[in-house]
Amino acid sequence: MVQKILSTFVGAKYISILRTWVPNLAAWGTVGAVAVVHFTDWRLILNYVPYINGKFKKDE
């Protein structure tokens, strides 16, 4: 279904090229997301993760 829709917009050559790049793009996307969490205020981002949210409660 998706291939049929894509083939109307782009050719089969570009679909096959995209298939080979998807795992690479997914890996680099994951690396980029981890880098953003690492180099920014990680508590601010990880407060939205339910399991980790409870671990870092501040005792006020």
C-alpha atoms as a PDB file:
ATOM      1  CA  MET A   1       0.000   0.000   0.000  1.00  0.00           C
ATOM      2  CA  VAL A   2       2.682   2.496   1.034  1.00  0.00           C
ATOM      3  CA  GLN A   3       4.929   1.420  -1.819  1.00  0.00           C
ATOM      4  CA  LYS A   4       2.121   1.976  -4.286  1.00  0.00           C
ATOM      5  CA  ILE A   5       1.514   5.491  -2.968  1.00  0.00           C
ATOM      6  CA  LEU A   6       5.228   6.306  -2.996  1.00  0.00           C
ATOM      7  CA  SER A   7       5.693   4.967  -6.501  1.00  0.00           C
ATOM      8  CA  THR A   8       3.161   7.480  -7.819  1.00  0.00           C
ATOM      9  CA  PHE A   9       5.316  10.350  -6.529  1.00  0.00           C
ATOM     10  CA  VAL A  10       8.829   8.959  -6.973  1.00  0.00           C
ATOM     11  CA  GLY A  11      10.292   6.161  -9.041  1.00  0.00           C
ATOM     12  CA  ALA A  12      11.207   2.638  -7.992  1.00  0.00           C
ATOM     13  CA  LYS A  13      14.899   3.549  -8.019  1.00  0.00           C
ATOM     14  CA  TYR A  14      14.426   6.134  -5.275  1.00  0.00           C
ATOM     15  CA  ILE A  15      12.256   3.801  -3.220  1.00  0.00           C
ATOM     16  CA  SER A  16      15.019   1.176  -3.218  1.00  0.00           C
ATOM     17  CA  ILE A  17      17.589   3.825  -2.252  1.00  0.00           C
ATOM     18  CA  LEU A  18      15.329   4.983   0.584  1.00  0.00           C
ATOM     19  CA  ARG A  19      14.965   1.417   1.864  1.00  0.00           C
ATOM     20  CA  THR A  20      18.728   1.094   2.200  1.00  0.00           C
ATOM     21  CA  TRP A  21      18.979   4.408   4.070  1.00  0.00           C
ATOM     22  CA  VAL A  22      16.151   3.871   6.597  1.00  0.00           C
ATOM     23  CA  PRO A  23      18.205   1.855   9.152  1.00  0.00           C
ATOM     24  CA  ASN A  24      21.065   4.348   8.901  1.00  0.00           C
ATOM     25  CA  LEU A  25      18.740   7.314   9.386  1.00  0.00           C
ATOM     26  CA  ALA A  26      17.050   5.619  12.340  1.00  0.00           C
ATOM     27  CA  ALA A  27      20.411   4.958  14.006  1.00  0.00           C
ATOM     28  CA  TRP A  28      21.633   8.512  13.529  1.00  0.00           C
ATOM     29  CA  GLY A  29      18.295   9.856  14.718  1.00  0.00           C
ATOM     30  CA  THR A  30      18.647   7.843  17.917  1.00  0.00           C
ATOM     31  CA  VAL A  31      22.216   9.052  18.402  1.00  0.00           C
ATOM     32  CA  GLY A  32      21.053  12.635  17.874  1.00  0.00           C
ATOM     33  CA  ALA A  33      18.235  12.283  20.390  1.00  0.00           C
ATOM     34  CA  VAL A  34      20.582  10.840  23.011  1.00  0.00           C
ATOM     35  CA  ALA A  35      23.073  13.660  22.339  1.00  0.00           C
ATOM     36  CA  VAL A  36      20.354  16.294  22.816  1.00  0.00           C
ATOM     37  CA  VAL A  37      19.351  14.736  26.136  1.00  0.00           C
ATOM     38  CA  HIS A  38      22.998  14.495  27.196  1.00  0.00           C
ATOM     39  CA  PHE A  39      24.060  18.032  26.323  1.00  0.00           C
ATOM     40  CA  THR A  40      20.920  19.812  27.506  1.00  0.00           C
ATOM     41  CA  ASP A  41      19.216  19.903  30.860  1.00  0.00           C
ATOM     42  CA  TRP A  42      18.545  16.167  30.974  1.00  0.00           C
ATOM     43  CA  ARG A  43      16.184  16.381  33.966  1.00  0.00           C
ATOM     44  CA  LEU A  44      13.934  18.750  32.060  1.00  0.00           C
ATOM     45  CA  ILE A  45      13.602  16.275  29.194  1.00  0.00           C
ATOM     46  CA  LEU A  46      13.457  13.099  31.282  1.00  0.00           C
ATOM     47  CA  ASN A  47      10.654  14.484  33.465  1.00  0.00           C
ATOM     48  CA  TYR A  48       8.340  13.457  30.628  1.00  0.00           C
ATOM     49  CA  VAL A  49       9.425   9.797  30.876  1.00  0.00           C
ATOM     50  CA  PRO A  50       7.013   8.207  33.388  1.00  0.00           C
ATOM     51  CA  TYR A  51       9.378   5.663  34.978  1.00  0.00           C
ATOM     52  CA  ILE A  52      12.267   8.080  35.418  1.00  0.00           C
ATOM     53  CA  ASN A  53      10.030  10.967  36.486  1.00  0.00           C
ATOM     54  CA  GLY A  54       9.479   9.476  39.955  1.00  0.00           C
ATOM     55  CA  LYS A  55      13.162   8.857  40.650  1.00  0.00           C
ATOM     56  CA  PHE A  56      14.238  12.484  40.684  1.00  0.00           C
ATOM     57  CA  LYS A  57      11.580  14.110  42.842  1.00  0.00           C
ATOM     58  CA  LYS A  58      12.980  17.029  44.839  1.00  0.00           C
ATOM     59  CA  ASP A  59      12.309  16.943  48.563  1.00  0.00           C
ATOM     60  CA  GLU A  60      11.105  20.432  49.347  1.00  0.00           C
END
